[in-house]
Protein backbone atom coordinates (compact mmCIF):
# COMPACT_ATOMS: atom_id res chain seq x y z
CA HIS A 1 66.10 174.32 92.49
CA ILE A 2 64.12 171.53 91.00
CA PRO A 3 60.81 170.79 92.65
CA LEU A 4 60.41 167.45 94.07
CA VAL A 5 56.91 166.87 92.52
CA GLY A 6 55.75 167.87 89.02
CA ALA A 7 53.20 167.25 86.31
CA GLY A 8 54.07 165.11 83.40
CA THR A 9 52.24 165.39 80.04
CA TRP A 10 53.13 162.26 78.16
CA HIS A 11 50.18 160.70 76.16
CA TYR A 12 48.25 163.91 76.42
CA ASN A 13 47.14 165.90 73.40
CA ASP A 14 47.11 169.78 73.55
CA THR A 15 43.65 169.99 75.09
CA VAL A 16 44.26 167.41 77.68
CA ALA A 17 47.68 168.84 78.63
CA PHE A 18 46.13 172.23 78.98
CA GLN A 19 43.39 171.00 81.24
CA SER A 20 45.67 168.78 83.33
CA LEU A 21 48.31 171.54 84.00
CA CYS A 22 45.59 174.14 84.88
CA LYS A 23 44.38 171.84 87.53
CA ALA A 24 47.95 171.05 88.60
CA PHE A 25 48.91 174.78 88.78
CA GLY A 26 45.89 175.23 90.92
CA GLU A 27 47.15 172.63 93.37
CA GLY A 28 50.54 174.32 93.60
CA ILE A 29 52.51 172.36 91.16
CA THR A 30 55.57 174.18 89.85
CA LEU A 31 57.32 171.63 87.68
CA VAL A 32 56.21 170.82 84.19
CA ASP A 33 57.60 167.79 82.13
CA THR A 34 57.00 167.80 78.38
CA ALA A 35 58.86 166.94 75.17
CA LEU A 36 59.01 167.74 71.47
CA GLY A 37 57.91 164.22 70.60
CA TYR A 38 54.75 164.41 72.82
CA GLY A 39 53.07 166.71 70.35
CA ASN A 40 51.40 168.74 73.09
CA GLN A 41 53.68 171.62 73.86
CA LYS A 42 51.28 174.24 72.39
CA GLY A 43 48.78 173.17 75.03
CA VAL A 44 51.50 173.17 77.71
CA GLY A 45 52.57 176.67 76.72
CA CYS A 46 48.87 177.90 76.74
CA ALA A 47 48.38 176.49 80.25
CA ILE A 48 51.52 178.22 81.41
CA ARG A 49 50.33 181.44 80.00
CA ASP A 50 46.63 181.12 81.01
CA CYS A 51 46.65 179.26 84.21
CA TYR A 52 50.00 179.69 86.00
CA VAL A 53 49.65 182.64 88.35
CA GLY A 54 53.18 182.69 89.94
CA ARG A 55 56.36 184.14 88.73
CA ARG A 56 58.06 182.55 85.72
CA SER A 57 61.16 182.21 87.86
CA ASP A 58 59.31 180.01 90.30
CA LEU A 59 58.13 177.59 87.50
CA PHE A 60 60.50 174.80 86.38
CA VAL A 61 59.88 173.71 82.78
CA LEU A 62 61.68 170.56 81.45
CA THR A 63 61.41 169.57 77.95
CA LYS A 64 63.24 167.10 75.67
CA ILE A 65 64.59 166.75 72.18
CA PRO A 66 65.05 163.41 70.28
CA GLY A 67 68.50 161.73 70.43
CA GLY A 68 70.65 160.98 67.52
CA LEU A 69 70.45 164.62 66.00
CA SER A 70 73.28 166.53 64.43
CA TYR A 71 74.25 169.89 65.98
CA GLU A 72 72.12 171.75 63.56
CA GLU A 73 69.19 169.41 64.04
CA THR A 74 69.46 169.76 67.78
CA LEU A 75 69.37 173.58 67.54
CA GLY A 76 66.32 173.27 65.23
CA ALA A 77 64.57 170.93 67.55
CA HIS A 78 65.15 173.13 70.49
CA HIS A 79 63.92 176.28 68.56
CA GLN A 80 60.74 174.31 67.73
CA ASN A 81 60.38 173.59 71.54
CA MET A 82 60.59 177.25 72.24
CA PHE A 83 58.16 178.22 69.56
CA GLU A 84 55.63 175.61 70.66
CA LEU A 85 55.89 176.38 74.16
CA ASN A 86 55.87 180.12 73.59
CA LEU A 87 58.54 180.69 76.21
CA GLY A 88 61.74 182.69 76.27
CA TYR A 89 63.63 179.92 77.99
CA VAL A 90 63.22 176.49 79.56
CA ASP A 91 64.84 175.45 82.82
CA HIS A 92 66.11 172.07 81.68
CA LEU A 93 66.64 170.63 78.19
CA MET A 94 67.21 166.92 78.02
CA VAL A 95 68.06 164.48 75.25
CA HIS A 96 64.96 162.20 75.36
CA PHE A 97 66.81 159.07 74.30
CA PRO A 98 70.54 159.20 73.74
CA SER A 99 70.48 157.73 70.17
CA ASP A 100 68.30 157.72 67.28
CA TRP A 101 65.01 155.84 67.62
């Protein structure tokens, strides 16, 4: 299921994303919204690793890739997501904007 309330990370750098999510996890938040274009997924991944105390299966991670990409570019962008987040999977992958910027 998708939690009704979550924590977004837009406009946050890695440090602020980390700090914000650690606080959010402490308040019981279990949905994280990030994107490749935000430039903060390393901080998000560190917060998940260092501050989230629940089971991974209880955490809903949503990330996004840019629109307008070819098939190969889409795969590459998502591999970059996974690398930066340092996760084995995400729960929802979304095209951030359905055409090129």
